[in-house]
Structures are given as structure tokens and as C-alpha cells.
Protein backbone atom coordinates (compact mmCIF):
# COMPACT_ATOMS: atom_id res chain seq x y z
CA MET A 1 31.27 -0.86 -21.50
CA SER A 2 29.09 1.00 -18.99
CA VAL A 3 26.47 3.42 -20.27
CA SER A 4 23.56 5.33 -18.98
CA VAL A 5 20.31 4.31 -20.63
CA ASP A 6 17.91 7.23 -21.35
CA PRO A 7 14.47 6.09 -20.06
CA THR A 8 12.49 7.93 -22.78
CA ALA A 9 8.79 8.02 -22.35
CA ASP A 10 6.34 6.16 -24.49
CA PRO A 11 5.65 8.35 -27.50
CA THR A 12 2.14 7.11 -27.71
CA SER A 13 1.40 8.29 -24.12
CA VAL A 14 -0.62 11.42 -23.47
CA GLU A 15 0.29 13.66 -20.71
CA PRO A 16 -2.61 14.59 -18.49
CA SER A 17 -3.53 18.21 -18.15
CA GLY A 18 -3.83 19.91 -14.77
CA ASN A 19 -7.52 19.54 -14.84
CA GLU A 20 -7.32 15.78 -15.58
CA SER A 21 -4.93 15.32 -12.65
CA ALA A 22 -7.43 17.24 -10.34
CA GLU A 23 -10.24 15.06 -11.49
CA ALA A 24 -8.24 11.79 -10.94
CA LEU A 25 -10.33 9.34 -8.88
CA ARG A 26 -7.14 8.56 -6.85
CA PRO A 27 -4.26 11.00 -7.32
CA HIS A 28 -0.72 9.81 -6.71
CA ALA A 29 0.61 10.53 -3.36
CA GLU A 30 2.94 13.30 -4.59
CA ASP A 31 -0.09 15.05 -6.15
CA ALA A 32 -2.60 14.50 -3.37
CA PHE A 33 -0.19 15.76 -0.73
CA ALA A 34 1.81 18.20 -2.85
CA ASP A 35 1.31 21.12 -0.46
CA GLU A 36 2.52 19.15 2.50
CA LEU A 37 5.58 17.94 0.64
CA ALA A 38 6.30 21.45 -0.54
CA ALA A 39 6.09 22.85 2.95
CA LEU A 40 8.36 20.09 4.29
CA ALA A 41 11.00 20.95 1.55
CA ALA A 42 10.77 24.58 2.19
CA GLN A 43 11.57 24.14 5.95
CA ASP A 44 13.85 21.12 5.69
CA ASP A 45 17.35 22.24 6.60
CA ARG A 46 18.80 18.77 7.39
CA PRO A 47 21.13 16.79 5.29
CA ARG A 48 19.60 15.00 2.27
CA PRO A 49 21.02 11.93 0.61
CA ALA A 50 21.86 12.31 -3.03
CA ARG A 51 18.77 12.99 -5.19
CA TRP A 52 16.37 12.90 -2.21
CA LYS A 53 13.69 15.53 -2.19
CA LEU A 54 13.68 15.66 1.61
CA SER A 55 15.87 14.61 4.46
CA PRO A 56 15.32 11.29 6.23
CA TRP A 57 13.85 13.31 9.23
CA ALA A 58 11.36 15.13 6.88
CA VAL A 59 10.32 11.87 5.16
CA ALA A 60 9.52 10.29 8.50
CA THR A 61 7.62 13.46 9.48
CA TYR A 62 5.71 13.25 6.26
CA LEU A 63 4.53 9.71 6.95
CA LEU A 64 3.90 10.03 10.71
CA GLY A 65 2.58 13.56 10.76
CA GLY A 66 3.43 16.57 12.88
CA VAL A 67 3.36 20.40 13.06
CA LEU A 68 6.14 22.42 11.41
CA ALA A 69 7.86 25.51 12.77
CA ASP A 70 5.57 27.78 10.70
CA GLY A 71 2.38 26.04 11.98
CA THR A 72 1.84 23.80 8.93
CA VAL A 73 0.04 20.61 9.89
CA ILE A 74 1.37 17.45 8.26
CA SER A 75 -1.34 14.76 8.30
CA PRO A 76 -0.24 11.32 9.36
CA LYS A 77 -0.20 8.75 6.44
CA TYR A 78 0.84 5.83 8.70
CA VAL A 79 -0.50 5.24 12.27
CA GLY A 80 1.80 2.80 14.02
CA PRO A 81 5.23 2.56 15.85
CA ARG A 82 7.63 5.49 14.93
CA ARG A 83 10.65 3.19 14.97
CA ILE A 84 9.33 1.08 12.11
CA VAL A 85 9.16 4.17 9.84
CA GLU A 86 12.56 5.37 10.99
CA VAL A 87 14.14 1.98 10.23
CA ALA A 88 12.39 1.84 6.81
CA VAL A 89 13.59 5.38 5.85
CA SER A 90 17.16 4.73 7.14
CA THR A 91 17.31 1.64 4.98
CA LEU A 92 16.58 3.62 1.80
CA ALA A 93 19.40 6.02 2.79
CA THR A 94 21.81 3.08 2.56
CA ASP A 95 22.40 0.85 -0.42
CA ARG A 96 20.02 -1.85 0.93
CA ALA A 97 16.69 -2.63 -0.64
CA LEU A 98 13.64 -2.45 1.68
CA LEU A 99 11.02 -5.26 2.08
CA LEU A 100 7.91 -4.39 3.73
CA LEU A 101 6.23 -7.49 5.05
CA GLY A 102 2.90 -8.12 6.73
CA VAL A 103 -0.46 -9.74 6.61
CA PRO A 104 -2.89 -8.27 4.15
CA GLY A 105 -4.37 -4.81 5.02
CA THR A 106 -1.31 -3.60 7.00
CA ALA A 107 -0.76 -0.65 4.66
CA LYS A 108 2.34 -2.03 2.93
CA THR A 109 1.35 -0.65 -0.53
CA TRP A 110 0.31 2.71 1.11
CA VAL A 111 3.54 3.05 3.00
CA SER A 112 5.67 2.14 -0.11
CA GLU A 113 3.82 4.71 -2.21
CA HIS A 114 4.30 7.56 0.34
CA LEU A 115 7.86 6.72 0.95
CA ALA A 116 8.65 6.85 -2.82
CA ALA A 117 6.75 10.21 -3.12
CA ALA A 118 8.66 11.74 -0.22
CA VAL A 119 12.10 10.39 -1.27
CA SER A 120 11.99 10.85 -5.04
CA GLY A 121 8.82 12.98 -5.62
CA ASP A 122 7.55 10.09 -7.94
CA SER A 123 5.75 7.03 -6.80
CA THR A 124 4.86 5.88 -10.33
CA LEU A 125 7.96 3.69 -10.94
CA LEU A 126 6.11 0.48 -10.23
CA VAL A 127 6.29 -3.27 -10.95
CA GLN A 128 3.06 -5.03 -10.02
CA GLY A 129 3.87 -8.62 -9.04
CA THR A 130 1.54 -11.34 -10.31
CA ALA A 131 1.97 -15.10 -11.30
CA GLY A 132 2.44 -13.82 -14.86
CA THR A 133 5.00 -11.12 -14.24
CA PRO A 134 7.72 -11.64 -16.96
CA GLU A 135 11.42 -11.01 -16.59
CA GLU A 136 11.04 -8.05 -18.96
CA ALA A 137 9.06 -6.17 -16.27
CA ILE A 138 12.12 -6.00 -14.10
CA ARG A 139 14.90 -5.84 -16.60
CA TYR A 140 13.97 -4.47 -20.02
CA GLY A 141 11.90 -5.37 -23.09
CA TRP A 142 12.16 -4.58 -26.81
CA ASN A 143 10.11 -2.64 -29.31
CA TYR A 144 9.81 -5.47 -31.80
CA ALA A 145 9.08 -3.23 -34.79
CA GLN A 146 12.47 -1.52 -34.21
CA LEU A 147 14.12 -4.75 -33.43
CA LEU A 148 13.08 -6.39 -36.61
CA ALA A 149 13.87 -3.39 -38.71
CA HIS A 150 17.23 -2.44 -37.30
CA GLY A 151 18.32 -5.16 -34.88
CA PRO A 152 19.13 -4.79 -31.27
CA SER A 153 19.84 -1.03 -30.50
CA ARG A 154 19.27 1.52 -27.87
CA ASP A 155 16.22 2.87 -29.68
CA ALA A 156 14.66 -0.55 -29.71
CA LEU A 157 15.20 -1.14 -26.02
CA VAL A 158 12.08 -0.60 -23.71
CA PRO A 159 13.41 0.20 -20.11
CA SER A 160 11.49 -1.20 -17.24
CA PRO A 161 10.62 0.82 -14.24
CA VAL A 162 13.64 -0.74 -12.36
CA MET A 163 16.02 0.30 -15.18
CA ARG A 164 14.50 3.82 -15.23
CA ALA A 165 14.99 4.16 -11.38
CA MET A 166 18.66 3.02 -11.76
CA ALA A 167 19.37 5.50 -14.52
CA GLU A 168 17.61 8.40 -12.73
CA GLY A 169 18.73 7.56 -9.24
CA ALA A 170 15.08 7.28 -8.06
CA THR A 171 12.94 4.89 -6.02
CA VAL A 172 11.23 1.91 -7.67
CA ARG A 173 8.44 -0.13 -6.07
CA VAL A 174 7.89 -3.86 -6.58
CA GLU A 175 4.46 -4.85 -5.25
CA GLU A 176 3.62 -8.32 -4.12
CA LEU A 177 7.01 -9.78 -4.60
CA THR A 178 6.30 -13.24 -3.55
CA ARG A 179 3.54 -13.53 -6.26
CA ILE A 180 6.30 -13.22 -8.93
CA PRO A 181 7.75 -16.56 -10.19
CA ALA A 182 11.02 -17.55 -8.38
CA ASP A 183 13.18 -17.38 -11.52
CA VAL A 184 11.97 -13.78 -12.32
CA GLN A 185 12.31 -12.73 -8.66
CA ASP A 186 16.09 -13.78 -8.90
CA THR A 187 16.55 -11.26 -11.69
CA LEU A 188 16.84 -8.82 -8.82
CA ILE A 189 19.88 -10.36 -7.27
CA THR A 190 22.48 -8.71 -9.54
CA ILE A 191 20.60 -5.41 -9.52
CA LEU A 192 20.49 -5.29 -5.67
CA SER A 193 24.04 -6.74 -4.98
CA GLU A 194 26.09 -5.22 -7.85
CA LYS A 195 23.84 -2.23 -8.55
CA THR A 196 24.15 -3.03 -12.28
CA LEU A 197 21.84 -4.31 -15.05
CA PRO A 198 23.68 -6.05 -17.94
CA ILE A 199 22.37 -5.80 -21.44
CA PRO A 200 24.17 -8.63 -23.07
CA GLU A 201 22.45 -8.00 -26.46
CA LEU A 202 24.16 -4.61 -26.75
CA GLY A 203 27.38 -5.46 -24.78
CA GLN A 204 26.44 -2.74 -22.38
CA GLU A 205 25.24 -2.32 -18.80
CA VAL A 206 23.24 0.24 -16.80
CA LEU A 207 24.93 1.24 -13.60
CA ALA A 208 22.66 2.47 -10.74
CA VAL A 209 23.45 6.07 -9.97
CA ARG A 210 23.31 7.55 -6.38
CA GLY A 211 19.82 7.87 -5.09
CA PHE A 212 18.63 4.59 -6.51
CA SER A 213 16.53 2.44 -4.07
CA LEU A 214 14.02 -0.28 -4.34
CA ILE A 215 10.98 -1.00 -2.07
CA ALA A 216 9.26 -4.31 -2.29
CA THR A 217 6.10 -5.43 -0.53
CA ALA A 218 5.13 -9.02 0.30
CA ASN A 219 2.12 -10.69 2.03
CA ASP A 220 3.32 -13.10 4.70
CA ARG A 221 0.11 -15.16 4.02
CA ASP A 222 1.76 -16.00 0.71
CA ARG A 223 4.63 -18.00 2.19
CA GLY A 224 5.19 -21.02 0.09
CA VAL A 225 3.63 -19.52 -3.00
CA ASN A 226 6.97 -18.17 -4.47
CA GLU A 227 9.02 -17.88 -1.35
CA LEU A 228 12.12 -15.70 -1.65
CA SER A 229 15.41 -17.51 -2.17
CA SER A 230 17.85 -16.97 0.66
CA ALA A 231 20.15 -15.11 -1.85
CA LEU A 232 17.47 -12.63 -2.64
CA ARG A 233 16.18 -12.27 0.93
CA ARG A 234 19.78 -11.38 2.04
CA ARG A 235 19.60 -8.38 -0.29
CA PHE A 236 16.70 -6.81 1.58
CA ASN A 237 16.24 -5.32 4.95
CA THR A 238 12.90 -6.63 6.23
CA VAL A 239 10.47 -4.43 8.07
CA VAL A 240 7.37 -6.07 9.39
CA LEU A 241 4.31 -3.78 9.45
CA PRO A 242 1.99 -4.93 12.22
CA LEU A 243 -1.66 -4.82 12.67
CA PRO A 244 -2.80 -1.86 14.74
CA GLU A 245 -2.18 -2.49 18.46
CA SER A 246 -5.48 -1.25 19.92
CA VAL A 247 -9.17 -0.84 18.83
CA GLU A 248 -8.72 2.98 19.09
CA ALA A 249 -5.71 3.00 16.83
CA GLU A 250 -7.52 0.95 14.24
CA VAL A 251 -10.62 3.14 14.50
CA ASP A 252 -8.56 6.25 14.03
CA ILE A 253 -6.94 4.73 10.79
CA VAL A 254 -10.32 3.63 9.39
CA ALA A 255 -11.90 6.97 10.19
CA ARG A 256 -9.09 8.88 8.49
CA ARG A 257 -9.15 6.86 5.40
CA VAL A 258 -12.95 6.81 5.12
CA ASP A 259 -12.92 10.62 5.35
CA GLN A 260 -10.32 10.96 2.57
CA ILE A 261 -12.02 8.49 0.28
CA GLY A 262 -15.41 10.01 1.00
CA ARG A 263 -14.17 13.51 0.12
CA SER A 264 -12.57 12.24 -3.08
CA LEU A 265 -15.98 10.69 -4.01
CA ASP A 266 -18.01 13.71 -2.90
CA LEU A 267 -19.84 11.69 -0.33
CA PRO A 268 -21.23 13.86 2.59
CA ALA A 269 -19.54 13.41 5.91
CA ALA A 270 -21.59 11.04 8.18
CA PRO A 271 -22.42 12.64 11.60
CA ASP A 272 -21.65 10.43 14.54
CA GLY A 273 -20.32 7.62 12.14
CA ILE A 274 -17.48 6.84 14.62
CA ASP A 275 -19.81 4.59 16.63
CA GLU A 276 -20.46 2.37 13.59
CA ILE A 277 -16.78 2.44 12.66
CA ARG A 278 -15.91 1.19 16.16
CA ARG A 279 -18.40 -1.71 15.86
CA VAL A 280 -16.89 -2.76 12.41
CA VAL A 281 -13.39 -2.59 13.86
CA THR A 282 -14.47 -4.45 17.00
CA VAL A 283 -16.13 -7.24 15.05
CA PHE A 284 -13.02 -7.56 12.77
CA ARG A 285 -10.53 -7.61 15.58
CA GLU A 286 -12.49 -10.24 17.56
CA LEU A 287 -12.94 -12.54 14.66
CA ARG A 288 -9.23 -12.16 13.76
CA ALA A 289 -8.05 -12.91 17.27
CA GLY A 290 -10.64 -15.66 17.96
CA VAL A 291 -11.58 -14.24 21.20
CA THR A 292 -13.80 -11.26 22.30
CA SER A 293 -12.20 -8.01 23.48
CA ASP A 294 -12.79 -8.76 27.07
CA GLY A 295 -11.03 -12.19 26.71
CA ARG A 296 -14.05 -14.03 28.17
CA THR A 297 -15.44 -15.85 24.99
CA LYS A 298 -13.52 -17.68 22.37
CA VAL A 299 -14.94 -17.48 18.91
CA LYS A 300 -14.07 -19.22 15.63
CA SER A 301 -12.13 -17.30 13.00
CA PRO A 302 -13.30 -17.12 9.33
CA SER A 303 -11.14 -17.92 6.31
CA GLY A 304 -10.70 -14.33 5.34
CA THR A 305 -8.08 -11.77 6.59
CA LEU A 306 -10.49 -9.12 7.93
CA SER A 307 -7.90 -6.46 7.55
CA THR A 308 -7.90 -2.82 8.28
CA ALA A 309 -8.23 -2.20 4.57
CA GLU A 310 -11.38 -4.36 4.48
CA ALA A 311 -12.87 -2.47 7.35
CA ILE A 312 -12.26 0.71 5.46
CA SER A 313 -14.01 -0.74 2.47
CA VAL A 314 -17.06 -1.82 4.52
CA VAL A 315 -17.43 1.62 6.09
CA THR A 316 -16.98 3.45 2.85
CA GLY A 317 -19.72 1.28 1.23
CA GLY A 318 -21.91 1.86 4.18
CA LEU A 319 -21.31 5.65 3.81
CA ALA A 320 -22.41 5.45 0.23
CA LEU A 321 -25.61 3.67 1.29
CA ALA A 322 -26.39 6.18 3.86
CA ALA A 323 -25.84 9.07 1.54
CA HIS A 324 -27.74 7.75 -1.50
CA PHE A 325 -30.48 5.57 0.11
CA GLY A 326 -30.67 6.83 3.57
CA ASP A 327 -30.75 10.00 5.67
CA GLY A 328 -27.08 10.59 5.51
CA VAL A 329 -26.41 9.07 8.96
CA LEU A 330 -24.28 5.96 9.01
CA ARG A 331 -26.25 3.24 10.77
CA ALA A 332 -25.97 -0.44 11.57
CA GLY A 333 -28.01 -1.36 8.53
CA ASP A 334 -25.54 0.44 6.20
CA VAL A 335 -22.55 -1.55 7.28
CA ALA A 336 -24.15 -4.92 7.95
CA ALA A 337 -24.05 -6.25 4.37
CA GLY A 338 -20.60 -5.16 3.85
CA ILE A 339 -19.45 -7.05 7.01
CA LEU A 340 -21.26 -10.12 5.91
CA GLY A 341 -19.41 -9.96 2.43
CA ALA A 342 -16.09 -9.49 4.29
CA VAL A 343 -16.58 -12.37 6.77
CA VAL A 344 -18.37 -14.99 4.64
CA ARG A 345 -15.90 -15.83 1.86
CA ASP A 346 -16.49 -19.57 2.13
CA PRO A 347 -20.27 -19.88 1.91
CA ALA A 348 -20.18 -23.14 3.88
CA ALA A 349 -17.66 -22.81 6.68
CA ASP A 350 -17.65 -19.02 7.15
CA ARG A 351 -21.42 -18.80 7.41
CA VAL A 352 -21.37 -21.13 10.36
CA VAL A 353 -18.72 -19.01 11.97
CA TRP A 354 -20.71 -15.78 11.39
CA GLN A 355 -24.00 -17.25 12.75
CA GLU A 356 -22.19 -18.48 15.93
CA TYR A 357 -20.58 -15.15 16.49
CA LEU A 358 -23.82 -13.23 16.11
CA GLU A 359 -25.74 -15.47 18.51
CA ALA A 360 -23.11 -15.92 21.20
CA VAL A 361 -21.37 -12.45 21.09
CA VAL A 362 -23.30 -9.77 19.22
CA ARG A 363 -26.81 -10.77 20.48
CA GLU A 364 -25.69 -10.63 24.09
CA ARG A 365 -23.74 -7.39 23.83
CA ALA A 366 -25.48 -4.28 25.47
CA GLY A 367 -26.34 -1.51 23.00
CA TRP A 368 -25.80 -3.73 19.89
CA THR A 369 -29.54 -4.78 19.39
CA ASP A 370 -29.79 -2.60 16.28
CA PHE A 371 -26.59 -4.11 14.97
CA TYR A 372 -27.67 -7.62 15.69
CA ARG A 373 -30.93 -7.20 13.93
CA ALA A 374 -29.41 -5.63 10.93
CA CYS A 375 -26.89 -8.49 10.59
CA ARG A 376 -29.59 -11.03 11.02
CA GLU A 377 -31.74 -9.44 8.37
CA VAL A 378 -28.96 -9.48 5.67
CA SER A 379 -27.74 -12.92 6.86
CA ALA A 380 -31.27 -14.55 6.42
């Protein structure tokens, strides 16, 4: 027998008021960019797949940014090749699941959240993958008080975010899929291939309604941790998110996110901070690549990833230092400690890599004397 399971909310949960939502440290994408989503919906006259809030074209515009016919400016959420976003959105418009793959810090989670917000208007249907993620997080669980009192029943069943998305025709996100144990990962095979979730205890099943889609993210540094089975991998269309192609592209990404985070934390804007952002990005890119930007000097790479996300964190921390303990101007001394913490993850090996880079590259670079001195001071 096929039935639709009502994904009722937890009766113990408390709905936030409008003020609480406004005061959230990090609002969900659909709340933070509600005005942009509403403007797109109002002017979007293109065909929309079942239960989509926007057309595929409008979803791509929301992620990549643009100017609407009425002059509304849509800010870019992702800076990268347009075709990658178009392929990802097109995948969600089919019955295929989407796997966003990439090295740490390539905005996989950020893109998945904004895709879910634009497609379904709700990015909160989320399964966070860890080594301890149980099967119930993907299938369903039980309210054990109800189960012991009345036995297996619909009232005793606790739907997972995946089950809720199937019943509602919404988008569900599975973060860090390769960190989930292999036997739990494979719970997704029937869901993605047959679009059904059996409930053998009740002799029932949940059939996915039109509009259901699943977005998973995976870190390609985690290969071999809990690598996907070939059966499960075939159920996904894989889109690889690359690192930013150029220094300027990465500087733009870091500057935009730091500005957004700074405003949410009420940090004052740092005048001329772009110069320090460019330095941080340059250091990270050279250490990642193992060669200086001019291609003349080879350098050793540290054990850490030195991702764009880490660059954002370093600059945001520096902005806080400048605002609270400086004159409000972002300087080399404000970002030096953050860079040291990001680079030196292994106190023995990485410290040698960092010292060699400072002496061979930073010390000799014109206009970087203040940066060299600040880094030497915190490295001492």
C-alpha cells in the first residue's frame, strides 16, 4: 500500500518570531535574500518545474547575479563558470540527484543551500553527514514513548528530512556524503532509483511526489574515507566545483563574503582593505600551487587546504582586530596571526614550510616589508 506520510513538526519546537529571525547570526538563504527571491518570482515568466518557486533560468540568475528588467540588482552568490551552475540547476529539473564535489572551501555547502532556497524556498531540510550518522537520519526514526505505548503506528513515526522532502516535493540536502558510513549511504539507493521509501514495520511506503530532489556534497579530499559505491554514484549527476581561476576572482569572492559577514556582525567597513585581502589570497594560492604567481620560484605546500573559505575567515578575523583593537583600518598585522594559524596545522612540518616561504618569497617581494615583519613577529 502506498501512502503519503504527513511530516508533522516537532510539537516541542518553538517557532521563532519575526524579530528573532531578524536577529539570527546567520539567517537561512531564503530569509537573508528574501527580497531578491521575491523580485525574481514577480518577474519570472518562464516555465517552472512542478513545485519550483522559480524557473531554472531564474534560479541560475539568483546564484550568478544580474539585473532584472525593472532594475532590481541580484547579487551573485557564486562566482565561477556559468555552465557549472546551469548544469547543476538542469540536473535538479530532472529525476537525477545532484552531487557537488570539490576540495574544501569551494562553496559546495553555500551553493547547495542557495539552490534549495531558490528551488523550494526552504534550505532547512538537511542531513549533516558524519561518521556517526545513523540510518534513521536518512530514512525515519521512532518516538519510543509512542512506540512502547501503542506499537508501530503513523503517530510514532518520526520522518527524516529526506522523507519530508519526498512527501512535500521539496529539495533535501545531504552534506558531507562521504563521511557517512557506507551502509548508511546505500540507504539512498532505493530512494534515488525507485523514488520510494519503504516502511516495512507498517506495511507502507512513501512515494516521492513531483518536485522532490536531493543535493549532496562531498569533499574530494575524503576519497577512501567512505567512498561511494558504484551503485550509489550512478544515481548522481556529479558537478565538480573548481577553485577560483584567478587571483582577482578569488579576491572578489573573499571581499564580498567578508563584507556580508562584517555587516551581520556590525563590524565597520575597513577602508582600503582590498590590499590586505589580495595579499592573503596571493599567499594562499601560492602555497596551494607550490609555486609563486610569476612561476619563478617553487615553494613547499603545507598540510592544510588553504581554501577560499579559510581566506574569508582570516580576513574577517583581521577585520575584527582592526575594529576593536586598532584604528579600523585593516593592516598586515591584523591578518598575520590568522594566516599563521591557517598555514601551520602541523607544528613541525608546516612551520618549516612557512618559514621558508617567508624568507624566500615574502621577504624579497617589493612592497611587502610590513607584511613580512608582521608575519615574522607572530611566528617568533
